[in-house]
């Protein structure tokens, strides 16, 4: 239940329940009123606005207005929590070094976020195998120091990952990687990016915006050898759009012309790499 999830997060963050009173009847009355005060104020003052926004959404009084779990998982605070859990930054050595530690943590997350966004899907199994090979204690956590040479070699020549390779080679990144969590996060993010790219192309074919496109129109475009039109979605990397376009050529060029219409899910599920998780 979304609301219960909000209560749990509130208690974990503040150390106290969101609806508190002297007795059970008053607690139930507070729950019915649904007013969230974010107390103790001194505790919440130290927490991010993102976290308060997430809790507020989860504890929305009207069930019809509460977010779905799918949208909750897309919330920026949970996305950050995924990254924070997967990338373990070195502890600051004291007050004087805390600022530097924050900078190192930010640099680490930025670098590996670029890896998530720019890695070729086919290389994820290779990355998983590499992490396991340097997990000498078999704990599921690897030290970045042990990964430097292998990661630098693996992504050498990838222009989009040039900054990551430079940081790795210059010893600018320190910390550890919970690679099982990181790879799960990566796979989920890659799946989302692929769906966004497929959706952008689907919308370009859905001229009348009725939520369906015809196999005939797709097959015609593939048969003519049409190229992907740049700018079809400014929010999706062009390389992702091109990858979907190439898959469409494999699927739809050989199909007979048909007036059959496809919903987005029909369209997406026909692409060879629709279920990315099965391949990584």
C-alpha atoms as a PDB file:
ATOM      1  CA  UNK A   1       0.000   0.000   0.000  1.00  0.00           C
ATOM      2  CA  UNK A   2       1.360   3.387  -1.055  1.00  0.00           C
ATOM      3  CA  UNK A   3       0.184   5.153   2.103  1.00  0.00           C
ATOM      4  CA  UNK A   4       1.805   2.537   4.376  1.00  0.00           C
ATOM      5  CA  UNK A   5       5.043   2.909   2.424  1.00  0.00           C
ATOM      6  CA  UNK A   6       4.919   6.638   3.193  1.00  0.00           C
ATOM      7  CA  UNK A   7       4.469   5.930   6.909  1.00  0.00           C
ATOM      8  CA  UNK A   8       7.488   3.593   6.888  1.00  0.00           C
ATOM      9  CA  UNK A   9       9.712   6.139   5.136  1.00  0.00           C
ATOM     10  CA  UNK A  10       8.553   8.888   7.508  1.00  0.00           C
ATOM     11  CA  UNK A  11       9.454   6.783  10.547  1.00  0.00           C
ATOM     12  CA  UNK A  12      12.828   5.792   9.065  1.00  0.00           C
ATOM     13  CA  UNK A  13      13.652   9.451   8.354  1.00  0.00           C
ATOM     14  CA  UNK A  14      12.302  11.116  11.502  1.00  0.00           C
ATOM     15  CA  UNK A  15      12.370   8.353  14.105  1.00  0.00           C
ATOM     16  CA  UNK A  16       8.722   9.066  14.912  1.00  0.00           C
ATOM     17  CA  UNK A  17       5.376   8.267  13.232  1.00  0.00           C
ATOM     18  CA  UNK A  18       3.635  10.903  11.086  1.00  0.00           C
ATOM     19  CA  UNK A  19       0.408  10.629  13.068  1.00  0.00           C
ATOM     20  CA  UNK A  20       1.050  10.568  16.800  1.00  0.00           C
ATOM     21  CA  UNK A  21      -1.122  11.169  19.851  1.00  0.00           C
ATOM     22  CA  UNK A  22      -1.690  10.137  23.455  1.00  0.00           C
ATOM     23  CA  UNK A  23      -4.051   7.257  22.642  1.00  0.00           C
ATOM     24  CA  UNK A  24      -5.217   5.078  19.764  1.00  0.00           C
ATOM     25  CA  UNK A  25      -8.483   6.956  19.200  1.00  0.00           C
ATOM     26  CA  UNK A  26      -6.628  10.245  18.763  1.00  0.00           C
ATOM     27  CA  UNK A  27      -4.129   8.553  16.448  1.00  0.00           C
ATOM     28  CA  UNK A  28      -6.977   7.235  14.278  1.00  0.00           C
ATOM     29  CA  UNK A  29      -8.508  10.713  14.214  1.00  0.00           C
ATOM     30  CA  UNK A  30      -5.185  12.209  13.102  1.00  0.00           C
ATOM     31  CA  UNK A  31      -4.930   9.573  10.337  1.00  0.00           C
ATOM     32  CA  UNK A  32      -8.445  10.449   9.119  1.00  0.00           C
ATOM     33  CA  UNK A  33      -7.591  14.147   9.024  1.00  0.00           C
ATOM     34  CA  UNK A  34      -4.460  13.311   7.030  1.00  0.00           C
ATOM     35  CA  UNK A  35      -2.435  16.396   7.985  1.00  0.00           C
ATOM     36  CA  UNK A  36       1.321  15.741   7.853  1.00  0.00           C
ATOM     37  CA  UNK A  37       3.290  18.193  10.027  1.00  0.00           C
ATOM     38  CA  UNK A  38       6.855  16.887   9.501  1.00  0.00           C
ATOM     39  CA  UNK A  39       7.850  16.772  13.138  1.00  0.00           C
ATOM     40  CA  UNK A  40      10.322  16.954  14.837  1.00  0.00           C
ATOM     41  CA  UNK A  41      11.035  20.108  12.827  1.00  0.00           C
ATOM     42  CA  UNK A  42      14.746  20.058  13.737  1.00  0.00           C
ATOM     43  CA  UNK A  43      15.123  16.609  12.176  1.00  0.00           C
ATOM     44  CA  UNK A  44      13.258  17.421   8.968  1.00  0.00           C
ATOM     45  CA  UNK A  45      15.208  20.659   8.575  1.00  0.00           C
ATOM     46  CA  UNK A  46      18.295  18.516   7.961  1.00  0.00           C
ATOM     47  CA  UNK A  47      16.573  16.370   5.318  1.00  0.00           C
ATOM     48  CA  UNK A  48      16.139  17.153   1.642  1.00  0.00           C
ATOM     49  CA  UNK A  49      13.131  18.816   0.052  1.00  0.00           C
ATOM     50  CA  UNK A  50      13.033  15.836  -2.336  1.00  0.00           C
ATOM     51  CA  UNK A  51      12.453  13.450   0.563  1.00  0.00           C
ATOM     52  CA  UNK A  52       9.676  15.605   2.013  1.00  0.00           C
ATOM     53  CA  UNK A  53       8.045  15.793  -1.404  1.00  0.00           C
ATOM     54  CA  UNK A  54       8.133  11.999  -1.735  1.00  0.00           C
ATOM     55  CA  UNK A  55       6.617  11.473   1.726  1.00  0.00           C
ATOM     56  CA  UNK A  56       3.936  14.090   1.081  1.00  0.00           C
ATOM     57  CA  UNK A  57       2.900  12.325  -2.118  1.00  0.00           C
ATOM     58  CA  UNK A  58       2.836   8.910  -0.460  1.00  0.00           C
ATOM     59  CA  UNK A  59       0.724  10.179   2.456  1.00  0.00           C
ATOM     60  CA  UNK A  60      -1.850  11.924   0.252  1.00  0.00           C
ATOM     61  CA  UNK A  61      -5.194  11.603   2.050  1.00  0.00           C
ATOM     62  CA  UNK A  62      -7.315  10.892  -1.051  1.00  0.00           C
ATOM     63  CA  UNK A  63      -6.462   7.413  -2.410  1.00  0.00           C
ATOM     64  CA  UNK A  64      -7.432   8.524  -5.920  1.00  0.00           C
ATOM     65  CA  UNK A  65      -4.819  11.270  -5.794  1.00  0.00           C
ATOM     66  CA  UNK A  66      -1.967   9.108  -4.501  1.00  0.00           C
ATOM     67  CA  UNK A  67       0.745   8.191  -7.013  1.00  0.00           C
ATOM     68  CA  UNK A  68       1.029   4.699  -8.459  1.00  0.00           C
ATOM     69  CA  UNK A  69       3.956   2.542  -7.402  1.00  0.00           C
ATOM     70  CA  UNK A  70       5.375   2.890 -10.923  1.00  0.00           C
ATOM     71  CA  UNK A  71       5.485   6.680 -10.602  1.00  0.00           C
ATOM     72  CA  UNK A  72       6.833   6.415  -7.041  1.00  0.00           C
ATOM     73  CA  UNK A  73       9.763   4.361  -8.316  1.00  0.00           C
ATOM     74  CA  UNK A  74      10.509   7.133 -10.829  1.00  0.00           C
ATOM     75  CA  UNK A  75      10.664   9.787  -8.084  1.00  0.00           C
ATOM     76  CA  UNK A  76      14.019  11.567  -8.018  1.00  0.00           C
ATOM     77  CA  UNK A  77      14.638  10.686  -4.352  1.00  0.00           C
ATOM     78  CA  UNK A  78      14.250   6.958  -4.932  1.00  0.00           C
ATOM     79  CA  UNK A  79      16.428   7.162  -8.028  1.00  0.00           C
ATOM     80  CA  UNK A  80      19.114   8.824  -5.912  1.00  0.00           C
ATOM     81  CA  UNK A  81      18.655   6.168  -3.220  1.00  0.00           C
ATOM     82  CA  UNK A  82      19.316   3.472  -5.822  1.00  0.00           C
ATOM     83  CA  UNK A  83      22.573   5.139  -6.807  1.00  0.00           C
ATOM     84  CA  UNK A  84      23.607   5.778  -3.207  1.00  0.00           C
ATOM     85  CA  UNK A  85      23.040   2.112  -2.367  1.00  0.00           C
ATOM     86  CA  UNK A  86      25.018   0.855  -5.338  1.00  0.00           C
ATOM     87  CA  UNK A  87      27.979   3.248  -5.071  1.00  0.00           C
ATOM     88  CA  UNK A  88      29.696   3.268  -1.694  1.00  0.00           C
ATOM     89  CA  UNK A  89      31.750   6.402  -1.189  1.00  0.00           C
ATOM     90  CA  UNK A  90      34.722   6.574   1.207  1.00  0.00           C
ATOM     91  CA  UNK A  91      33.882   7.902   4.661  1.00  0.00           C
ATOM     92  CA  UNK A  92      35.239  11.392   5.397  1.00  0.00           C
ATOM     93  CA  UNK A  93      38.212  11.377   7.745  1.00  0.00           C
ATOM     94  CA  UNK A  94      36.915  14.272   9.835  1.00  0.00           C
ATOM     95  CA  UNK A  95      35.200  17.649   9.675  1.00  0.00           C
ATOM     96  CA  UNK A  96      37.972  19.167   7.599  1.00  0.00           C
ATOM     97  CA  UNK A  97      37.684  16.503   4.931  1.00  0.00           C
ATOM     98  CA  UNK A  98      33.879  16.262   4.805  1.00  0.00           C
ATOM     99  CA  UNK A  99      33.606  18.837   2.000  1.00  0.00           C
ATOM    100  CA  UNK A 100      36.132  16.942  -0.104  1.00  0.00           C
ATOM    101  CA  UNK A 101      34.279  13.677   0.577  1.00  0.00           C
ATOM    102  CA  UNK A 102      31.018  15.183  -0.661  1.00  0.00           C
ATOM    103  CA  UNK A 103      32.791  16.293  -3.829  1.00  0.00           C
ATOM    104  CA  UNK A 104      34.250  12.827  -4.356  1.00  0.00           C
ATOM    105  CA  UNK A 105      30.848  11.243  -3.823  1.00  0.00           C
ATOM    106  CA  UNK A 106      29.252  13.562  -6.373  1.00  0.00           C
ATOM    107  CA  UNK A 107      32.033  12.851  -8.865  1.00  0.00           C
ATOM    108  CA  UNK A 108      31.648   9.099  -8.390  1.00  0.00           C
ATOM    109  CA  UNK A 109      27.875   9.183  -8.932  1.00  0.00           C
ATOM    110  CA  UNK A 110      28.142  11.473 -11.953  1.00  0.00           C
ATOM    111  CA  UNK A 111      30.748   9.224 -13.580  1.00  0.00           C
ATOM    112  CA  UNK A 112      28.806   6.017 -13.125  1.00  0.00           C
ATOM    113  CA  UNK A 113      25.531   7.657 -14.131  1.00  0.00           C
ATOM    114  CA  UNK A 114      27.171   8.393 -17.484  1.00  0.00           C
ATOM    115  CA  UNK A 115      28.057   4.698 -17.711  1.00  0.00           C
ATOM    116  CA  UNK A 116      24.414   3.720 -17.145  1.00  0.00           C
ATOM    117  CA  UNK A 117      23.235   6.137 -19.831  1.00  0.00           C
ATOM    118  CA  UNK A 118      25.855   5.377 -22.473  1.00  0.00           C
ATOM    119  CA  UNK A 119      26.805   1.706 -22.200  1.00  0.00           C
ATOM    120  CA  UNK A 120      25.894  -0.568 -25.078  1.00  0.00           C
ATOM    121  CA  UNK A 121      23.314  -3.096 -23.878  1.00  0.00           C
ATOM    122  CA  UNK A 122      25.399  -5.943 -25.296  1.00  0.00           C
ATOM    123  CA  UNK A 123      28.270  -5.041 -22.947  1.00  0.00           C
ATOM    124  CA  UNK A 124      26.308  -5.370 -19.704  1.00  0.00           C
ATOM    125  CA  UNK A 125      26.893  -9.160 -19.422  1.00  0.00           C
ATOM    126  CA  UNK A 126      30.601  -8.480 -20.029  1.00  0.00           C
ATOM    127  CA  UNK A 127      30.577  -5.892 -17.252  1.00  0.00           C
ATOM    128  CA  UNK A 128      28.853  -8.344 -14.895  1.00  0.00           C
ATOM    129  CA  UNK A 129      31.492 -10.999 -15.651  1.00  0.00           C
ATOM    130  CA  UNK A 130      34.279  -8.487 -15.047  1.00  0.00           C
ATOM    131  CA  UNK A 131      32.921  -7.398 -11.657  1.00  0.00           C
ATOM    132  CA  UNK A 132      32.665 -11.023 -10.556  1.00  0.00           C
ATOM    133  CA  UNK A 133      36.258 -11.625 -11.637  1.00  0.00           C
ATOM    134  CA  UNK A 134      37.583  -8.887  -9.330  1.00  0.00           C
ATOM    135  CA  UNK A 135      35.255  -9.752  -6.439  1.00  0.00           C
ATOM    136  CA  UNK A 136      37.994 -11.761  -4.780  1.00  0.00           C
ATOM    137  CA  UNK A 137      36.148 -12.166  -1.466  1.00  0.00           C
ATOM    138  CA  UNK A 138      32.846 -12.936  -3.248  1.00  0.00           C
ATOM    139  CA  UNK A 139      30.967 -10.338  -1.203  1.00  0.00           C
ATOM    140  CA  UNK A 140      29.112  -8.697  -4.070  1.00  0.00           C
ATOM    141  CA  UNK A 141      31.103  -5.500  -3.476  1.00  0.00           C
ATOM    142  CA  UNK A 142      34.253  -4.498  -5.384  1.00  0.00           C
ATOM    143  CA  UNK A 143      36.775  -1.755  -4.772  1.00  0.00           C
ATOM    144  CA  UNK A 144      37.143   0.736  -7.605  1.00  0.00           C
ATOM    145  CA  UNK A 145      40.914   0.456  -7.215  1.00  0.00           C
ATOM    146  CA  UNK A 146      40.671  -3.192  -8.326  1.00  0.00           C
ATOM    147  CA  UNK A 147      38.502  -2.188 -11.299  1.00  0.00           C
ATOM    148  CA  UNK A 148      40.607   0.618 -12.753  1.00  0.00           C
ATOM    149  CA  UNK A 149      42.580  -1.247 -15.387  1.00  0.00           C
ATOM    150  CA  UNK A 150      39.739  -3.490 -16.528  1.00  0.00           C
ATOM    151  CA  UNK A 151      37.138  -0.732 -16.796  1.00  0.00           C
ATOM    152  CA  UNK A 152      39.550   1.591 -18.607  1.00  0.00           C
ATOM    153  CA  UNK A 153      40.335  -1.136 -21.157  1.00  0.00           C
ATOM    154  CA  UNK A 154      36.687  -2.126 -21.562  1.00  0.00           C
ATOM    155  CA  UNK A 155      35.511   1.372 -22.478  1.00  0.00           C
ATOM    156  CA  UNK A 156      38.600   2.677 -24.215  1.00  0.00           C
ATOM    157  CA  UNK A 157      37.575   4.218 -27.539  1.00  0.00           C
ATOM    158  CA  UNK A 158      33.974   4.887 -26.489  1.00  0.00           C
ATOM    159  CA  UNK A 159      33.684   8.613 -27.112  1.00  0.00           C
ATOM    160  CA  UNK A 160      30.638   9.011 -24.878  1.00  0.00           C
ATOM    161  CA  UNK A 161      32.485   7.416 -21.952  1.00  0.00           C
ATOM    162  CA  UNK A 162      35.747   9.291 -22.490  1.00  0.00           C
ATOM    163  CA  UNK A 163      35.333  11.366 -19.307  1.00  0.00           C
ATOM    164  CA  UNK A 164      34.687   8.230 -17.244  1.00  0.00           C
ATOM    165  CA  UNK A 165      37.795   6.531 -18.628  1.00  0.00           C
ATOM    166  CA  UNK A 166      39.919   9.631 -17.914  1.00  0.00           C
ATOM    167  CA  UNK A 167      38.685   9.785 -14.321  1.00  0.00           C
ATOM    168  CA  UNK A 168      39.379   6.082 -13.832  1.00  0.00           C
ATOM    169  CA  UNK A 169      42.869   6.340 -15.282  1.00  0.00           C
ATOM    170  CA  UNK A 170      43.705   9.475 -13.250  1.00  0.00           C
ATOM    171  CA  UNK A 171      42.708   7.793  -9.961  1.00  0.00           C
ATOM    172  CA  UNK A 172      40.087  10.526  -9.458  1.00  0.00           C
ATOM    173  CA  UNK A 173      37.423   8.010  -8.426  1.00  0.00           C
ATOM    174  CA  UNK A 174      37.538   6.188  -5.121  1.00  0.00           C
ATOM    175  CA  UNK A 175      35.063   4.003  -3.281  1.00  0.00           C
ATOM    176  CA  UNK A 176      33.316   0.690  -3.764  1.00  0.00           C
ATOM    177  CA  UNK A 177      30.584  -0.697  -5.999  1.00  0.00           C
ATOM    178  CA  UNK A 178      27.802  -2.994  -4.863  1.00  0.00           C
ATOM    179  CA  UNK A 179      27.779  -4.420  -8.347  1.00  0.00           C
ATOM    180  CA  UNK A 180      24.674  -6.602  -8.048  1.00  0.00           C
ATOM    181  CA  UNK A 181      22.660  -3.542  -7.059  1.00  0.00           C
ATOM    182  CA  UNK A 182      24.425  -1.357  -9.614  1.00  0.00           C
ATOM    183  CA  UNK A 183      23.754  -3.800 -12.470  1.00  0.00           C
ATOM    184  CA  UNK A 184      20.108  -4.156 -11.430  1.00  0.00           C
ATOM    185  CA  UNK A 185      19.773  -0.357 -11.393  1.00  0.00           C
ATOM    186  CA  UNK A 186      21.567  -0.159 -14.739  1.00  0.00           C
ATOM    187  CA  UNK A 187      19.283  -2.745 -16.334  1.00  0.00           C
ATOM    188  CA  UNK A 188      16.185  -0.951 -15.046  1.00  0.00           C
ATOM    189  CA  UNK A 189      17.451   2.396 -16.306  1.00  0.00           C
ATOM    190  CA  UNK A 190      18.427   0.952 -19.684  1.00  0.00           C
ATOM    191  CA  UNK A 191      14.957  -0.584 -20.013  1.00  0.00           C
ATOM    192  CA  UNK A 192      13.391   2.806 -19.266  1.00  0.00           C
ATOM    193  CA  UNK A 193      15.589   4.567 -21.819  1.00  0.00           C
ATOM    194  CA  UNK A 194      14.699   1.959 -24.465  1.00  0.00           C
ATOM    195  CA  UNK A 195      10.980   2.401 -23.792  1.00  0.00           C
ATOM    196  CA  UNK A 196      11.338   6.186 -24.065  1.00  0.00           C
ATOM    197  CA  UNK A 197      13.132   5.814 -27.408  1.00  0.00           C
ATOM    198  CA  UNK A 198      10.544   3.340 -28.707  1.00  0.00           C
ATOM    199  CA  UNK A 199       7.729   5.592 -27.513  1.00  0.00           C
ATOM    200  CA  UNK A 200       9.233   8.595 -29.333  1.00  0.00           C
ATOM    201  CA  UNK A 201       9.348   6.668 -32.613  1.00  0.00           C
ATOM    202  CA  UNK A 202       5.881   5.204 -32.054  1.00  0.00           C
ATOM    203  CA  UNK A 203       4.506   8.733 -31.504  1.00  0.00           C
ATOM    204  CA  UNK A 204       6.139   9.903 -34.736  1.00  0.00           C
ATOM    205  CA  UNK A 205       4.156   7.220 -36.630  1.00  0.00           C
ATOM    206  CA  UNK A 206       0.980   7.889 -34.642  1.00  0.00           C
ATOM    207  CA  UNK A 207       0.078  10.942 -36.709  1.00  0.00           C
ATOM    208  CA  UNK A 208      -3.586  11.120 -35.708  1.00  0.00           C
ATOM    209  CA  UNK A 209      -2.671  10.516 -32.030  1.00  0.00           C
ATOM    210  CA  UNK A 210      -5.226   7.747 -31.514  1.00  0.00           C
ATOM    211  CA  UNK A 211      -2.743   5.519 -29.680  1.00  0.00           C
ATOM    212  CA  UNK A 212      -2.318   3.069 -32.572  1.00  0.00           C
ATOM    213  CA  UNK A 213      -0.074   2.747 -35.598  1.00  0.00           C
ATOM    214  CA  UNK A 214      -0.510   0.486 -38.609  1.00  0.00           C
ATOM    215  CA  UNK A 215       1.913  -2.233 -39.620  1.00  0.00           C
ATOM    216  CA  UNK A 216       1.428  -1.013 -43.201  1.00  0.00           C
ATOM    217  CA  UNK A 217       2.876   2.431 -42.449  1.00  0.00           C
ATOM    218  CA  UNK A 218       5.869   0.982 -40.616  1.00  0.00           C
ATOM    219  CA  UNK A 219       6.566  -1.619 -43.305  1.00  0.00           C
ATOM    220  CA  UNK A 220       6.371   1.042 -45.993  1.00  0.00           C
ATOM    221  CA  UNK A 221       8.938   3.209 -44.205  1.00  0.00           C
ATOM    222  CA  UNK A 222      11.229   0.224 -43.681  1.00  0.00           C
ATOM    223  CA  UNK A 223      10.770  -0.936 -47.280  1.00  0.00           C
ATOM    224  CA  UNK A 224      11.679   2.501 -48.647  1.00  0.00           C
ATOM    225  CA  UNK A 225      14.785   2.489 -46.488  1.00  0.00           C
ATOM    226  CA  UNK A 226      13.736   5.695 -44.748  1.00  0.00           C
ATOM    227  CA  UNK A 227      16.240   7.078 -42.302  1.00  0.00           C
ATOM    228  CA  UNK A 228      15.385   8.108 -38.797  1.00  0.00           C
ATOM    229  CA  UNK A 229      14.481  11.769 -38.696  1.00  0.00           C
ATOM    230  CA  UNK A 230      16.697  13.661 -36.291  1.00  0.00           C
ATOM    231  CA  UNK A 231      14.878  15.762 -33.755  1.00  0.00           C
ATOM    232  CA  UNK A 232      11.989  13.309 -33.466  1.00  0.00           C
ATOM    233  CA  UNK A 233      12.563  13.509 -29.708  1.00  0.00           C
ATOM    234  CA  UNK A 234      14.958  16.048 -28.192  1.00  0.00           C
ATOM    235  CA  UNK A 235      14.719  14.308 -24.806  1.00  0.00           C
ATOM    236  CA  UNK A 236      16.033  10.919 -25.975  1.00  0.00           C
ATOM    237  CA  UNK A 237      19.669  10.379 -27.082  1.00  0.00           C
ATOM    238  CA  UNK A 238      19.939   9.918 -30.837  1.00  0.00           C
ATOM    239  CA  UNK A 239      21.962   6.706 -30.405  1.00  0.00           C
ATOM    240  CA  UNK A 240      19.032   5.155 -28.514  1.00  0.00           C
ATOM    241  CA  UNK A 241      16.574   6.144 -31.233  1.00  0.00           C
ATOM    242  CA  UNK A 242      18.859   4.697 -33.897  1.00  0.00           C
ATOM    243  CA  UNK A 243      19.152   1.418 -31.992  1.00  0.00           C
ATOM    244  CA  UNK A 244      15.357   1.067 -31.925  1.00  0.00           C
ATOM    245  CA  UNK A 245      15.175   2.016 -35.614  1.00  0.00           C
ATOM    246  CA  UNK A 246      17.629  -0.739 -36.549  1.00  0.00           C
ATOM    247  CA  UNK A 247      15.590  -3.279 -34.592  1.00  0.00           C
ATOM    248  CA  UNK A 248      12.469  -2.113 -36.413  1.00  0.00           C
ATOM    249  CA  UNK A 249      14.179  -2.807 -39.738  1.00  0.00           C
ATOM    250  CA  UNK A 250      14.853  -6.379 -38.661  1.00  0.00           C
ATOM    251  CA  UNK A 251      11.263  -6.905 -37.516  1.00  0.00           C
ATOM    252  CA  UNK A 252       9.067  -4.993 -39.935  1.00  0.00           C
ATOM    253  CA  UNK A 253      10.959  -5.048 -43.256  1.00  0.00           C
ATOM    254  CA  UNK A 254      10.095  -8.719 -43.711  1.00  0.00           C
ATOM    255  CA  UNK A 255       6.453  -8.433 -42.632  1.00  0.00           C
ATOM    256  CA  UNK A 256       3.679  -8.471 -45.189  1.00  0.00           C
ATOM    257  CA  UNK A 257       1.841  -5.206 -45.683  1.00  0.00           C
ATOM    258  CA  UNK A 258      -1.172  -5.208 -43.410  1.00  0.00           C
ATOM    259  CA  UNK A 259      -3.718  -2.748 -42.098  1.00  0.00           C
ATOM    260  CA  UNK A 260      -3.395  -4.347 -38.675  1.00  0.00           C
ATOM    261  CA  UNK A 261      -2.904  -1.732 -35.991  1.00  0.00           C
ATOM    262  CA  UNK A 262      -0.563  -1.933 -33.025  1.00  0.00           C
ATOM    263  CA  UNK A 263      -0.779  -0.353 -29.611  1.00  0.00           C
ATOM    264  CA  UNK A 264       2.496   0.827 -28.129  1.00  0.00           C
ATOM    265  CA  UNK A 265       2.826  -2.365 -26.073  1.00  0.00           C
ATOM    266  CA  UNK A 266       2.207  -4.494 -29.189  1.00  0.00           C
ATOM    267  CA  UNK A 267       4.850  -2.507 -31.049  1.00  0.00           C
ATOM    268  CA  UNK A 268       7.419  -2.546 -28.252  1.00  0.00           C
ATOM    269  CA  UNK A 269       7.055  -6.254 -27.516  1.00  0.00           C
ATOM    270  CA  UNK A 270       7.865  -7.109 -31.138  1.00  0.00           C
ATOM    271  CA  UNK A 271      11.302  -5.556 -30.841  1.00  0.00           C
ATOM    272  CA  UNK A 272      14.014  -8.206 -30.288  1.00  0.00           C
ATOM    273  CA  UNK A 273      15.394  -6.563 -27.136  1.00  0.00           C
ATOM    274  CA  UNK A 274      12.042  -5.611 -25.592  1.00  0.00           C
ATOM    275  CA  UNK A 275      12.743  -7.680 -22.493  1.00  0.00           C
ATOM    276  CA  UNK A 276      16.207  -6.310 -21.799  1.00  0.00           C
ATOM    277  CA  UNK A 277      16.417  -8.034 -18.432  1.00  0.00           C
ATOM    278  CA  UNK A 278      16.397 -11.456 -20.093  1.00  0.00           C
ATOM    279  CA  UNK A 279      19.615 -10.684 -21.940  1.00  0.00           C
ATOM    280  CA  UNK A 280      21.660  -9.108 -19.130  1.00  0.00           C
END
